[in-house]
Amino acid sequence: MPVILTSVFSAIIIFITVFSMIRVLSIAYKRKEISTLKFSFLSFSFIGVGMLISTILPFGYQKLFEMII
């Protein structure tokens, strides 16, 4: 149960961070500070890395809680 709760809350924090970074990229794109290719590449990479970290975190938390308990 603690692993599930910590994983969910960590995933929420990660998704909020990814959403904020995409908003920053959107503002930069609207101001013509970055190109369309750079905007799409960075957006997809932020989403991909966020999803990857969110899927790996429960295994890391499981190992951590096993070491503590």
N, C-alpha and C. Protein backbone atom coordinates (compact mmCIF):
# COMPACT_ATOMS: atom_id res chain seq x y z
N MET A 1 0.80 -1.20 0.00
CA MET A 1 0.00 0.00 0.00
C MET A 1 0.85 1.28 0.00
N PRO A 2 1.92 1.36 0.84
CA PRO A 2 2.72 2.59 0.80
C PRO A 2 3.41 2.80 -0.55
N VAL A 3 3.77 1.69 -1.21
CA VAL A 3 4.43 1.81 -2.52
C VAL A 3 3.46 2.42 -3.53
N ILE A 4 2.21 2.00 -3.49
CA ILE A 4 1.21 2.51 -4.43
C ILE A 4 0.99 4.00 -4.19
N LEU A 5 0.84 4.39 -2.93
CA LEU A 5 0.59 5.80 -2.62
C LEU A 5 1.77 6.68 -3.02
N THR A 6 2.97 6.26 -2.69
CA THR A 6 4.12 7.08 -3.06
C THR A 6 4.30 7.14 -4.57
N SER A 7 4.01 6.05 -5.25
CA SER A 7 4.12 6.05 -6.71
C SER A 7 3.09 6.98 -7.35
N VAL A 8 1.88 6.95 -6.83
CA VAL A 8 0.83 7.82 -7.39
C VAL A 8 1.17 9.28 -7.17
N PHE A 9 1.57 9.63 -5.95
CA PHE A 9 1.90 11.03 -5.68
C PHE A 9 3.13 11.49 -6.46
N SER A 10 4.11 10.62 -6.62
CA SER A 10 5.27 10.97 -7.43
C SER A 10 4.90 11.14 -8.90
N ALA A 11 4.02 10.28 -9.39
CA ALA A 11 3.57 10.40 -10.78
C ALA A 11 2.81 11.71 -10.99
N ILE A 12 2.01 12.10 -10.01
CA ILE A 12 1.29 13.37 -10.12
C ILE A 12 2.27 14.53 -10.20
N ILE A 13 3.29 14.51 -9.36
CA ILE A 13 4.30 15.57 -9.39
C ILE A 13 5.04 15.59 -10.73
N ILE A 14 5.36 14.42 -11.26
CA ILE A 14 6.05 14.34 -12.55
C ILE A 14 5.17 14.89 -13.66
N PHE A 15 3.89 14.52 -13.68
CA PHE A 15 3.01 15.00 -14.74
C PHE A 15 2.75 16.49 -14.64
N ILE A 16 2.68 17.03 -13.44
CA ILE A 16 2.55 18.48 -13.29
C ILE A 16 3.80 19.18 -13.83
N THR A 17 4.97 18.61 -13.56
CA THR A 17 6.21 19.18 -14.06
C THR A 17 6.27 19.14 -15.58
N VAL A 18 5.89 18.00 -16.16
CA VAL A 18 5.90 17.87 -17.63
C VAL A 18 4.91 18.85 -18.25
N PHE A 19 3.72 18.97 -17.66
CA PHE A 19 2.73 19.90 -18.17
C PHE A 19 3.25 21.34 -18.12
N SER A 20 3.92 21.69 -17.04
CA SER A 20 4.47 23.05 -16.91
C SER A 20 5.56 23.30 -17.94
N MET A 21 6.41 22.30 -18.18
CA MET A 21 7.47 22.46 -19.18
C MET A 21 6.88 22.62 -20.58
N ILE A 22 5.81 21.90 -20.87
CA ILE A 22 5.18 22.03 -22.19
C ILE A 22 4.53 23.41 -22.32
N ARG A 23 4.00 23.94 -21.23
CA ARG A 23 3.45 25.30 -21.28
C ARG A 23 4.55 26.31 -21.56
N VAL A 24 5.71 26.12 -20.95
CA VAL A 24 6.85 27.02 -21.20
C VAL A 24 7.28 26.92 -22.66
N LEU A 25 7.35 25.70 -23.18
CA LEU A 25 7.70 25.53 -24.60
C LEU A 25 6.66 26.17 -25.51
N SER A 26 5.39 26.08 -25.12
CA SER A 26 4.33 26.69 -25.92
C SER A 26 4.48 28.20 -25.96
N ILE A 27 4.80 28.79 -24.84
CA ILE A 27 5.00 30.24 -24.80
C ILE A 27 6.20 30.63 -25.67
N ALA A 28 7.28 29.87 -25.57
CA ALA A 28 8.47 30.15 -26.39
C ALA A 28 8.16 29.98 -27.87
N TYR A 29 7.33 29.00 -28.22
CA TYR A 29 6.97 28.79 -29.62
C TYR A 29 6.11 29.94 -30.14
N LYS A 30 5.19 30.41 -29.32
CA LYS A 30 4.33 31.53 -29.75
C LYS A 30 5.12 32.82 -29.93
N ARG A 31 6.20 32.97 -29.18
CA ARG A 31 7.05 34.15 -29.31
C ARG A 31 8.10 33.99 -30.40
N LYS A 32 8.05 32.87 -31.09
CA LYS A 32 8.99 32.55 -32.18
C LYS A 32 10.43 32.43 -31.69
N GLU A 33 10.60 31.97 -30.44
CA GLU A 33 11.94 31.77 -29.90
C GLU A 33 12.49 30.38 -30.21
N ILE A 34 11.60 29.42 -30.47
CA ILE A 34 12.02 28.08 -30.87
C ILE A 34 11.23 27.68 -32.11
N SER A 35 11.81 26.77 -32.88
CA SER A 35 11.17 26.34 -34.11
C SER A 35 10.12 25.26 -33.82
N THR A 36 9.35 24.95 -34.84
CA THR A 36 8.31 23.92 -34.72
C THR A 36 8.94 22.56 -34.45
N LEU A 37 10.03 22.26 -35.13
CA LEU A 37 10.71 20.98 -34.94
C LEU A 37 11.25 20.85 -33.52
N LYS A 38 11.86 21.90 -33.03
CA LYS A 38 12.40 21.87 -31.66
C LYS A 38 11.27 21.76 -30.64
N PHE A 39 10.17 22.47 -30.87
CA PHE A 39 9.02 22.41 -29.97
C PHE A 39 8.45 21.00 -29.91
N SER A 40 8.25 20.38 -31.06
CA SER A 40 7.67 19.04 -31.07
C SER A 40 8.65 18.01 -30.50
N PHE A 41 9.92 18.13 -30.83
CA PHE A 41 10.92 17.19 -30.30
C PHE A 41 11.01 17.27 -28.78
N LEU A 42 11.10 18.49 -28.25
CA LEU A 42 11.21 18.65 -26.80
C LEU A 42 9.93 18.22 -26.08
N SER A 43 8.77 18.52 -26.68
CA SER A 43 7.51 18.10 -26.07
C SER A 43 7.41 16.59 -25.98
N PHE A 44 7.71 15.90 -27.07
CA PHE A 44 7.62 14.44 -27.07
C PHE A 44 8.68 13.83 -26.15
N SER A 45 9.84 14.44 -26.08
CA SER A 45 10.87 13.89 -25.19
C SER A 45 10.51 14.10 -23.73
N PHE A 46 9.92 15.26 -23.37
CA PHE A 46 9.47 15.47 -22.00
C PHE A 46 8.38 14.47 -21.62
N ILE A 47 7.44 14.25 -22.53
CA ILE A 47 6.37 13.29 -22.26
C ILE A 47 6.93 11.88 -22.12
N GLY A 48 7.83 11.51 -23.01
CA GLY A 48 8.41 10.17 -22.98
C GLY A 48 9.22 9.91 -21.72
N VAL A 49 10.04 10.88 -21.34
CA VAL A 49 10.86 10.71 -20.14
C VAL A 49 9.98 10.69 -18.89
N GLY A 50 8.94 11.51 -18.87
CA GLY A 50 8.02 11.50 -17.74
C GLY A 50 7.30 10.17 -17.60
N MET A 51 6.87 9.61 -18.72
CA MET A 51 6.21 8.30 -18.67
C MET A 51 7.19 7.21 -18.25
N LEU A 52 8.40 7.27 -18.74
CA LEU A 52 9.41 6.28 -18.38
C LEU A 52 9.72 6.32 -16.89
N ILE A 53 9.91 7.50 -16.36
CA ILE A 53 10.21 7.62 -14.93
C ILE A 53 9.02 7.18 -14.10
N SER A 54 7.81 7.52 -14.53
CA SER A 54 6.62 7.12 -13.77
C SER A 54 6.42 5.61 -13.76
N THR A 55 6.86 4.92 -14.80
CA THR A 55 6.71 3.46 -14.81
C THR A 55 7.83 2.77 -14.03
N ILE A 56 8.99 3.41 -13.92
CA ILE A 56 10.11 2.80 -13.21
C ILE A 56 10.03 3.06 -11.69
N LEU A 57 9.42 4.16 -11.28
CA LEU A 57 9.39 4.54 -9.88
C LEU A 57 8.83 3.47 -8.93
N PRO A 58 7.74 2.78 -9.25
CA PRO A 58 7.24 1.79 -8.29
C PRO A 58 8.25 0.70 -7.94
N PHE A 59 9.06 0.29 -8.90
CA PHE A 59 10.07 -0.74 -8.62
C PHE A 59 11.14 -0.19 -7.69
N GLY A 60 11.54 1.05 -7.89
CA GLY A 60 12.52 1.66 -7.01
C GLY A 60 11.98 1.86 -5.61
N TYR A 61 10.72 2.29 -5.51
CA TYR A 61 10.11 2.45 -4.19
C TYR A 61 9.97 1.10 -3.48
N GLN A 62 9.65 0.06 -4.23
CA GLN A 62 9.54 -1.28 -3.64
C GLN A 62 10.88 -1.71 -3.03
N LYS A 63 11.95 -1.51 -3.77
CA LYS A 63 13.28 -1.86 -3.25
C LYS A 63 13.62 -1.01 -2.01
N LEU A 64 13.27 0.26 -2.07
CA LEU A 64 13.56 1.16 -0.95
C LEU A 64 12.81 0.74 0.30
N PHE A 65 11.53 0.42 0.15
CA PHE A 65 10.74 0.02 1.31
C PHE A 65 11.18 -1.36 1.84
N GLU A 66 11.68 -2.22 0.97
CA GLU A 66 12.20 -3.49 1.44
C GLU A 66 13.48 -3.30 2.26
N MET A 67 14.31 -2.34 1.88
CA MET A 67 15.52 -2.07 2.62
C MET A 67 15.21 -1.43 3.97
N ILE A 68 14.20 -0.59 4.02
CA ILE A 68 13.85 0.09 5.27
C ILE A 68 13.18 -0.86 6.25
N ILE A 69 12.27 -1.68 5.76
CA ILE A 69 11.48 -2.55 6.65
C ILE A 69 12.14 -3.87 6.87
